[in-house]
Amino acid sequence: MPQPPDPQHPLRLHDFRLLFIGRTVSVLGDAVVPAALAIAVTRATGSSGALALVLGCAMVPRLLLLPFGGVAGDRFDPRLVALTTDLVRAATQLLVGLELLGGRPSLAHIAVAEAVGGVASAFAMPTSSPLVRGTTPEAHRLRANALLGSASSAARLGGPALAGVLVYTAGPGWAFLLDGLSFVLSAALLTRITVVRVPTERRSLRRDLAEGWSEVRARDWYWTSLIAHGVWNGASSVALTLGPLIAATRLGGDGAWVAITQAAAVGLLAGSLLAARVRPRRPVLVGNLALALYGLPLVALAVPTPAPVTVAVYAVALAGLGFLNPVWETVVQQEFPAHVLARVTSYDWLLSLAAAPLGYVLAPLAADAWGSRVPLLAAAALVVLACAGTAAVPGVRRFGAAPARTAPEPGPAAAEKPPAPVNS
């Protein structure tokens, strides 16, 4: 007999449902672009250096401007900030798509478009937590974050396949057009939602930045975990840099790396689904210990172990990441004051993203000097030490054991309405 819809399901909330659809569509569009961009730039220039230049044009402004994006997300309506950045990114992707369809793409035009998109991304990323917090009451947030994480993981699983179909049947320009249209749809849906926000006191930019950083430093469980998460991202860059060659030469060919990346996407999805059902008493500790599992695939690549074993441990390790992400986002949304949430999130993203280029740069240098085993084993040791080592931090161990409740926050406007029907 059919079961009635779960009254506690966040998709029954009108505003979150629209946010979920918009974020899912835009993530799917973004998942299509990396492969299309690599093929488009390589076809146009025949140079891997040109691709690195284009990627750098997107990454550098994103890193530099993330803290300012956090200030904007707290000072202004995060819905309006997200809507504006969606429109900017839609314009850049549509322009690149049209450029590629024209048959004579300019590397300079693509690089400028990616740089503008990187700027928009720096202002968009810190709005993610305020948007979830402002559209869902506290009781729904873990499940809401897990839903967003599951949708993101599913998009990463299907995105490369969709990119391949588009690139080899219609051309890479259509992948960019699809991404641009996904941002248009996301922006349109954002116009239909209401986000609860807490007005903030207007201060100087410097004081706003300092206040956000002081909130980070005031919580030992937070800043020590951010260090661990940054190390994880650096270690991931080592694997992504050295893994494809190891797979091609020692694990049976390029197909082995494809299997590893697909297993990683499956693991991410499984971890996100698990996070919706499991509520650990010490969420920060458990999430960081789950991240420490990433040492397994790094060791597997260093040895290297047989391809099926490497594929399996990669899936397990990424399930740890998939579990951590929604748990972490829920904890942050619960524990930080609403008026600093975007700034705190921006520092989170900054520390995580900044570590990735370091891994990309150091891994090939170390491999050339000592072979691939040394940087892989070093990365494995660092990620296990950093992530599992947070257990030595009192705030990490105690967090969640006897949570202190803050004053009730205003509930989202959506929670005040009768739940909208949803097909199940």
Protein backbone atom coordinates (compact mmCIF):
# COMPACT_ATOMS: atom_id res chain seq x y z
CA MET A 1 0.00 0.00 0.00
CA PRO A 2 1.42 3.43 -0.89
CA GLN A 3 2.86 5.34 2.05
CA PRO A 4 1.78 8.96 2.67
CA PRO A 5 4.42 11.63 2.07
CA ASP A 6 6.73 12.28 5.00
CA PRO A 7 5.50 15.52 6.63
CA GLN A 8 9.07 16.19 7.79
CA HIS A 9 10.58 15.89 4.31
CA PRO A 10 12.21 19.20 3.28
CA LEU A 11 10.97 18.85 -0.29
CA ARG A 12 7.47 19.51 1.08
CA LEU A 13 8.65 23.05 1.83
CA HIS A 14 7.88 25.26 -1.16
CA ASP A 15 10.96 27.48 -0.95
CA PHE A 16 13.47 24.71 -0.37
CA ARG A 17 11.94 22.62 -3.15
CA LEU A 18 12.51 25.42 -5.66
CA LEU A 19 16.03 25.99 -4.31
CA PHE A 20 16.76 22.26 -4.60
CA ILE A 21 15.59 22.10 -8.21
CA GLY A 22 17.59 25.16 -9.20
CA ARG A 23 20.79 24.02 -7.47
CA THR A 24 20.49 20.51 -8.91
CA VAL A 25 20.04 21.75 -12.46
CA SER A 26 22.95 24.20 -12.23
CA VAL A 27 25.25 21.55 -10.70
CA LEU A 28 24.39 19.19 -13.56
CA GLY A 29 25.21 21.92 -16.03
CA ASP A 30 28.52 22.58 -14.28
CA ALA A 31 29.35 18.85 -14.28
CA VAL A 32 29.18 18.84 -18.07
CA VAL A 33 31.57 21.75 -18.58
CA PRO A 34 35.04 20.51 -17.43
CA ALA A 35 35.33 17.83 -20.12
CA ALA A 36 33.87 20.15 -22.75
CA LEU A 37 36.26 22.95 -21.77
CA ALA A 38 39.30 20.67 -21.94
CA ILE A 39 38.33 19.38 -25.37
CA ALA A 40 37.42 22.82 -26.71
CA VAL A 41 40.65 24.51 -25.61
CA THR A 42 42.80 21.57 -26.74
CA ARG A 43 41.15 21.57 -30.15
CA ALA A 44 41.56 25.31 -30.52
CA THR A 45 45.18 25.55 -29.37
CA GLY A 46 46.69 22.07 -29.20
CA SER A 47 48.33 23.15 -25.93
CA SER A 48 47.90 21.84 -22.40
CA GLY A 49 49.44 25.10 -21.20
CA ALA A 50 46.52 27.00 -22.74
CA LEU A 51 44.08 24.85 -20.75
CA ALA A 52 46.05 25.55 -17.56
CA LEU A 53 45.85 29.28 -18.35
CA VAL A 54 42.08 29.16 -18.77
CA LEU A 55 41.61 27.15 -15.58
CA GLY A 56 43.85 29.57 -13.72
CA CYS A 57 41.78 32.52 -14.99
CA ALA A 58 38.77 31.00 -13.23
CA MET A 59 40.56 29.83 -10.07
CA VAL A 60 42.62 32.91 -9.16
CA PRO A 61 39.78 35.47 -8.92
CA ARG A 62 37.66 32.92 -7.11
CA LEU A 63 40.30 32.47 -4.42
CA LEU A 64 41.10 36.17 -4.10
CA LEU A 65 37.50 37.32 -3.85
CA LEU A 66 35.88 34.61 -1.73
CA PRO A 67 36.11 36.59 1.56
CA PHE A 68 34.51 39.59 -0.15
CA GLY A 69 31.78 37.29 -1.45
CA GLY A 70 31.15 36.27 2.15
CA VAL A 71 30.76 39.90 3.19
CA ALA A 72 28.27 40.47 0.34
CA GLY A 73 26.29 37.37 1.34
CA ASP A 74 25.93 38.66 4.90
CA ARG A 75 25.35 42.34 4.10
CA PHE A 76 22.76 41.78 1.39
CA ASP A 77 19.95 39.37 0.66
CA PRO A 78 21.74 36.06 -0.19
CA ARG A 79 18.92 35.23 -2.60
CA LEU A 80 19.59 38.41 -4.56
CA VAL A 81 23.35 37.79 -4.54
CA ALA A 82 22.85 34.22 -5.78
CA LEU A 83 20.37 35.34 -8.43
CA THR A 84 22.75 38.01 -9.75
CA THR A 85 25.69 35.63 -9.90
CA ASP A 86 23.57 33.00 -11.66
CA LEU A 87 22.74 35.54 -14.36
CA VAL A 88 26.39 36.54 -14.74
CA ARG A 89 27.51 32.95 -15.04
CA ALA A 90 24.69 32.24 -17.47
CA ALA A 91 25.93 35.08 -19.68
CA THR A 92 29.56 33.90 -19.61
CA GLN A 93 28.71 30.29 -20.43
CA LEU A 94 26.29 31.24 -23.20
CA LEU A 95 28.92 33.52 -24.73
CA VAL A 96 31.55 30.78 -24.68
CA GLY A 97 29.05 28.35 -26.18
CA LEU A 98 28.23 30.73 -29.03
CA GLU A 99 31.94 31.39 -29.56
CA LEU A 100 32.61 27.67 -29.91
CA LEU A 101 29.63 27.15 -32.21
CA GLY A 102 30.96 29.94 -34.42
CA GLY A 103 33.87 27.70 -35.39
CA ARG A 104 36.74 30.12 -34.65
CA PRO A 105 37.01 30.37 -30.86
CA SER A 106 39.38 32.91 -29.35
CA LEU A 107 41.45 31.75 -26.38
CA ALA A 108 41.43 35.30 -25.01
CA HIS A 109 37.62 35.48 -25.12
CA ILE A 110 37.28 32.12 -23.38
CA ALA A 111 39.83 33.09 -20.71
CA VAL A 112 38.06 36.40 -20.00
CA ALA A 113 34.69 34.66 -19.79
CA GLU A 114 36.08 32.08 -17.37
CA ALA A 115 37.64 34.85 -15.26
CA VAL A 116 34.31 36.67 -15.02
CA GLY A 117 32.67 33.38 -14.13
CA GLY A 118 35.30 32.87 -11.41
CA VAL A 119 34.46 36.28 -9.93
CA ALA A 120 30.76 35.43 -9.93
CA SER A 121 31.51 32.06 -8.34
CA ALA A 122 33.40 33.77 -5.49
CA PHE A 123 30.23 35.67 -4.60
CA ALA A 124 27.88 32.73 -5.23
CA MET A 125 29.56 30.03 -3.14
CA PRO A 126 29.19 31.73 0.29
CA THR A 127 25.42 32.05 -0.26
CA SER A 128 24.86 28.29 -0.18
CA SER A 129 24.54 27.94 3.62
CA PRO A 130 22.44 31.12 4.14
CA LEU A 131 20.04 29.93 1.44
CA VAL A 132 19.54 26.54 3.07
CA ARG A 133 19.25 28.05 6.55
CA GLY A 134 16.81 30.67 5.29
CA THR A 135 14.50 28.19 3.55
CA THR A 136 14.40 25.30 6.04
CA PRO A 137 13.72 25.11 9.78
CA GLU A 138 16.45 23.53 11.90
CA ALA A 139 14.77 20.12 12.17
CA HIS A 140 14.89 19.71 8.38
CA ARG A 141 18.42 20.90 7.69
CA LEU A 142 20.45 17.70 7.84
CA ARG A 143 18.07 16.02 5.45
CA ALA A 144 17.99 19.11 3.22
CA ASN A 145 21.79 19.22 3.06
CA ALA A 146 21.92 15.49 2.40
CA LEU A 147 19.46 15.91 -0.47
CA LEU A 148 21.58 18.64 -2.01
CA GLY A 149 24.69 16.52 -1.54
CA SER A 150 23.02 13.49 -3.13
CA ALA A 151 21.86 15.54 -6.10
CA SER A 152 25.33 17.01 -6.53
CA SER A 153 26.91 13.55 -6.41
CA ALA A 154 24.41 12.17 -8.92
CA ALA A 155 25.15 15.10 -11.24
CA ARG A 156 28.89 14.42 -11.02
CA LEU A 157 28.17 10.78 -11.82
CA GLY A 158 26.09 11.55 -14.91
CA GLY A 159 27.70 14.82 -16.00
CA PRO A 160 30.80 13.40 -17.73
CA ALA A 161 28.68 10.92 -19.70
CA LEU A 162 26.32 13.70 -20.80
CA ALA A 163 29.35 15.81 -21.73
CA GLY A 164 30.67 13.01 -23.89
CA VAL A 165 27.37 12.67 -25.72
CA LEU A 166 27.14 16.42 -26.36
CA VAL A 167 30.79 16.89 -27.34
CA TYR A 168 30.98 14.01 -29.78
CA THR A 169 27.55 14.44 -31.35
CA ALA A 170 26.89 18.18 -31.37
CA GLY A 171 30.17 19.79 -30.29
CA PRO A 172 31.52 21.26 -27.02
CA GLY A 173 29.68 24.54 -27.58
CA TRP A 174 26.39 22.88 -26.73
CA ALA A 175 27.71 21.79 -23.33
CA PHE A 176 28.34 25.46 -22.49
CA LEU A 177 24.91 26.46 -23.77
CA LEU A 178 23.35 23.79 -21.55
CA ASP A 179 25.27 25.11 -18.54
CA GLY A 180 24.23 28.69 -19.33
CA LEU A 181 20.58 27.69 -19.57
CA SER A 182 20.83 25.81 -16.27
CA PHE A 183 21.89 29.06 -14.58
CA VAL A 184 19.00 30.90 -16.24
CA LEU A 185 16.57 28.34 -14.80
CA SER A 186 18.22 28.56 -11.37
CA ALA A 187 17.92 32.36 -11.40
CA ALA A 188 14.26 32.14 -12.43
CA LEU A 189 13.50 29.80 -9.55
CA LEU A 190 15.30 32.07 -7.08
CA THR A 191 12.85 34.85 -7.98
CA ARG A 192 10.06 32.64 -6.64
CA ILE A 193 11.42 31.86 -3.17
CA THR A 194 11.48 33.72 0.13
CA VAL A 195 14.61 33.53 2.28
CA VAL A 196 14.58 34.47 5.95
CA ARG A 197 17.59 36.61 6.78
CA VAL A 198 18.86 38.52 9.79
CA PRO A 199 19.68 42.20 9.11
CA THR A 200 23.32 43.00 9.83
CA GLU A 201 24.91 46.13 11.16
CA ARG A 202 26.67 48.08 8.42
CA ARG A 203 30.39 48.34 9.17
CA SER A 204 33.54 48.94 7.20
CA LEU A 205 34.68 46.17 4.87
CA ARG A 206 37.74 45.58 7.03
CA ARG A 207 35.63 45.14 10.18
CA ASP A 208 33.27 42.79 8.38
CA LEU A 209 36.17 40.62 7.24
CA ALA A 210 37.72 40.70 10.72
CA GLU A 211 34.43 39.76 12.39
CA GLY A 212 34.01 36.73 10.17
CA TRP A 213 37.57 35.59 10.86
CA SER A 214 37.14 36.09 14.62
CA GLU A 215 34.08 33.80 14.51
CA VAL A 216 36.24 31.15 12.84
CA ARG A 217 39.08 31.48 15.36
CA ALA A 218 36.73 31.42 18.36
CA ARG A 219 35.81 27.74 17.79
CA ASP A 220 38.64 25.24 18.02
CA TRP A 221 36.49 22.47 16.54
CA TYR A 222 35.96 24.62 13.45
CA TRP A 223 39.38 25.97 12.56
CA THR A 224 41.20 22.73 13.32
CA SER A 225 38.71 20.86 11.13
CA LEU A 226 39.26 23.39 8.34
CA ILE A 227 42.98 22.61 8.44
CA ALA A 228 42.16 18.91 8.14
CA HIS A 229 39.77 19.57 5.26
CA GLY A 230 42.41 21.65 3.49
CA VAL A 231 44.94 18.83 3.85
CA TRP A 232 42.33 16.44 2.42
CA ASN A 233 41.93 18.66 -0.65
CA GLY A 234 45.69 18.89 -1.10
CA ALA A 235 45.99 15.11 -0.86
CA SER A 236 43.15 14.71 -3.34
CA SER A 237 45.06 16.90 -5.80
CA VAL A 238 48.06 14.58 -5.47
CA ALA A 239 45.90 11.58 -6.36
CA LEU A 240 44.21 13.37 -9.25
CA THR A 241 47.60 14.46 -10.63
CA LEU A 242 49.46 11.15 -10.37
CA GLY A 243 46.57 8.66 -10.48
CA PRO A 244 45.75 8.72 -14.21
CA LEU A 245 49.33 7.80 -15.24
CA ILE A 246 49.55 5.06 -12.60
CA ALA A 247 46.23 3.64 -13.81
CA ALA A 248 47.35 3.74 -17.44
CA THR A 249 50.75 2.12 -16.85
CA ARG A 250 50.24 -0.20 -13.89
CA LEU A 251 46.53 -0.91 -13.44
CA GLY A 252 45.50 -1.97 -16.92
CA GLY A 253 45.02 1.21 -18.95
CA ASP A 254 42.90 4.34 -19.09
CA GLY A 255 39.76 2.33 -18.37
CA ALA A 256 41.03 1.72 -14.84
CA TRP A 257 41.07 5.45 -14.11
CA VAL A 258 37.58 5.84 -15.58
CA ALA A 259 36.40 3.08 -13.24
CA ILE A 260 38.09 4.79 -10.28
CA THR A 261 36.46 8.15 -10.99
CA GLN A 262 33.04 6.56 -11.46
CA ALA A 263 33.47 4.60 -8.23
CA ALA A 264 34.33 7.87 -6.49
CA ALA A 265 31.08 9.42 -7.74
CA VAL A 266 29.11 6.38 -6.56
CA GLY A 267 30.81 6.60 -3.17
CA LEU A 268 29.96 10.29 -2.86
CA LEU A 269 26.32 9.54 -3.59
CA ALA A 270 26.20 6.65 -1.11
CA GLY A 271 27.79 8.79 1.62
CA SER A 272 25.29 11.59 1.07
CA LEU A 273 22.38 9.17 1.29
CA LEU A 274 23.83 7.69 4.49
CA ALA A 275 24.13 11.15 6.05
CA ALA A 276 20.36 11.62 5.73
CA ARG A 277 19.76 8.53 7.89
CA VAL A 278 22.60 8.45 10.42
CA ARG A 279 22.84 11.13 13.12
CA PRO A 280 26.04 10.58 15.10
CA ARG A 281 26.26 11.97 18.64
CA ARG A 282 29.60 13.59 17.79
CA PRO A 283 29.10 14.68 14.18
CA VAL A 284 32.33 16.66 13.73
CA LEU A 285 34.51 13.87 15.09
CA VAL A 286 32.77 11.16 13.07
CA GLY A 287 32.86 13.25 9.90
CA ASN A 288 36.59 13.97 10.23
CA LEU A 289 37.35 10.30 10.90
CA ALA A 290 35.39 9.44 7.75
CA LEU A 291 37.65 11.81 5.81
CA ALA A 292 40.72 9.96 7.10
CA LEU A 293 39.63 7.01 4.95
CA TYR A 294 41.15 8.85 2.00
CA GLY A 295 44.50 7.46 3.07
CA LEU A 296 43.37 4.07 1.71
CA PRO A 297 43.26 4.93 -2.03
CA LEU A 298 46.47 6.96 -1.74
CA VAL A 299 48.26 3.90 -0.36
CA ALA A 300 46.55 1.69 -2.96
CA LEU A 301 47.89 3.89 -5.78
CA ALA A 302 51.36 4.04 -4.21
CA VAL A 303 51.83 0.25 -3.92
CA PRO A 304 49.97 -0.13 -6.38
CA THR A 305 47.28 -2.69 -5.51
CA PRO A 306 45.20 -4.50 -8.15
CA ALA A 307 42.70 -2.32 -9.98
CA PRO A 308 39.54 -3.82 -8.36
CA VAL A 309 40.94 -3.14 -4.88
CA THR A 310 41.88 0.43 -5.79
CA VAL A 311 38.42 1.04 -7.25
CA ALA A 312 36.76 -0.35 -4.11
CA VAL A 313 38.80 1.67 -1.61
CA TYR A 314 38.33 4.83 -3.68
CA ALA A 315 34.56 4.36 -3.43
CA VAL A 316 34.81 3.83 0.34
CA ALA A 317 36.99 6.90 0.80
CA LEU A 318 34.69 9.17 -1.21
CA ALA A 319 31.71 7.82 0.72
CA GLY A 320 33.44 9.36 3.74
CA LEU A 321 33.49 12.73 1.97
CA GLY A 322 29.88 12.33 0.88
CA PHE A 323 28.91 11.67 4.49
CA LEU A 324 30.90 14.56 5.92
CA ASN A 325 29.66 17.30 3.59
CA PRO A 326 25.96 17.48 4.60
CA VAL A 327 26.77 16.76 8.26
CA TRP A 328 29.36 19.56 8.31
CA GLU A 329 27.12 22.06 6.54
CA THR A 330 24.27 21.32 8.96
CA VAL A 331 26.54 21.82 11.97
CA VAL A 332 27.84 25.12 10.60
CA GLN A 333 24.33 26.39 9.85
CA GLN A 334 23.26 25.48 13.39
CA GLU A 335 26.24 26.76 15.37
CA PHE A 336 27.14 30.08 13.75
CA PRO A 337 25.00 33.23 14.05
CA ALA A 338 22.97 33.87 10.92
CA HIS A 339 24.50 37.31 10.36
CA VAL A 340 28.04 35.87 9.86
CA LEU A 341 27.18 32.62 8.10
CA ALA A 342 28.21 33.67 4.58
CA ARG A 343 31.56 35.04 5.79
CA VAL A 344 32.30 31.89 7.76
CA THR A 345 31.39 29.78 4.74
CA SER A 346 33.66 31.87 2.52
CA TYR A 347 36.67 31.20 4.78
CA ASP A 348 35.76 27.51 4.73
CA TRP A 349 35.81 27.49 0.92
CA LEU A 350 38.98 29.58 0.79
CA LEU A 351 41.02 27.23 2.98
CA SER A 352 39.71 24.19 1.12
CA LEU A 353 40.33 25.52 -2.38
CA ALA A 354 43.69 27.09 -1.62
CA ALA A 355 45.21 23.72 -0.72
CA ALA A 356 44.26 22.10 -4.02
CA PRO A 357 46.68 24.06 -6.30
CA LEU A 358 49.51 23.24 -3.87
CA GLY A 359 48.93 19.53 -4.47
CA TYR A 360 48.78 20.02 -8.23
CA VAL A 361 52.13 21.85 -8.20
CA LEU A 362 54.07 19.74 -5.68
CA ALA A 363 52.94 16.26 -6.74
CA PRO A 364 54.63 16.17 -10.18
CA LEU A 365 57.77 17.83 -8.81
CA ALA A 366 58.07 15.23 -6.04
CA ALA A 367 57.28 12.38 -8.44
CA ASP A 368 60.03 13.53 -10.82
CA ALA A 369 62.53 13.64 -7.97
CA TRP A 370 61.64 10.49 -6.00
CA GLY A 371 58.99 8.61 -7.96
CA SER A 372 55.22 8.64 -7.50
CA ARG A 373 55.25 6.42 -4.39
CA VAL A 374 56.84 9.07 -2.16
CA PRO A 375 54.29 11.89 -2.69
CA LEU A 376 51.38 9.43 -2.53
CA LEU A 377 52.51 7.89 0.76
CA ALA A 378 53.34 11.33 2.17
CA ALA A 379 49.86 12.56 1.21
CA ALA A 380 48.31 9.46 2.80
CA ALA A 381 50.18 10.04 6.04
CA LEU A 382 49.26 13.72 6.12
CA VAL A 383 45.56 13.19 5.46
CA VAL A 384 45.25 10.47 8.11
CA LEU A 385 47.23 12.49 10.64
CA ALA A 386 45.33 15.72 9.98
CA CYS A 387 41.80 14.27 9.85
CA ALA A 388 42.09 11.61 12.56
CA GLY A 389 44.29 13.96 14.60
CA THR A 390 41.36 16.31 15.16
CA ALA A 391 40.21 13.75 17.74
CA ALA A 392 42.90 15.24 20.01
CA VAL A 393 41.15 18.64 19.95
CA PRO A 394 38.82 19.04 22.98
CA GLY A 395 36.21 20.96 21.01
CA VAL A 396 36.02 18.25 18.34
CA ARG A 397 35.69 15.44 20.89
CA ARG A 398 33.06 17.24 22.94
CA PHE A 399 31.02 18.74 20.15
CA GLY A 400 27.54 17.26 20.14
CA ALA A 401 27.95 15.27 23.37
CA ALA A 402 25.91 17.85 25.31
CA PRO A 403 24.97 20.56 22.80
CA ALA A 404 24.21 24.00 24.14
CA ARG A 405 21.11 25.44 22.59
CA THR A 406 20.97 29.02 21.47
CA ALA A 407 17.92 31.23 21.42
CA PRO A 408 15.30 30.09 18.91
CA GLU A 409 15.88 31.57 15.50
CA PRO A 410 13.10 32.87 13.28
CA GLY A 411 11.66 30.11 11.16
CA PRO A 412 11.61 30.34 7.38
CA ALA A 413 8.48 31.78 5.87
CA ALA A 414 7.99 28.52 4.03
CA ALA A 415 7.54 26.69 7.32
CA GLU A 416 4.60 28.92 8.16
CA LYS A 417 2.66 27.78 5.11
CA PRO A 418 0.78 24.49 4.76
CA PRO A 419 3.20 22.01 3.16
CA ALA A 420 2.85 21.87 -0.61
CA PRO A 421 2.02 18.44 -2.04
CA VAL A 422 4.87 16.42 -3.52
CA ASN A 423 4.83 13.32 -5.65
CA SER A 424 6.47 10.38 -3.96
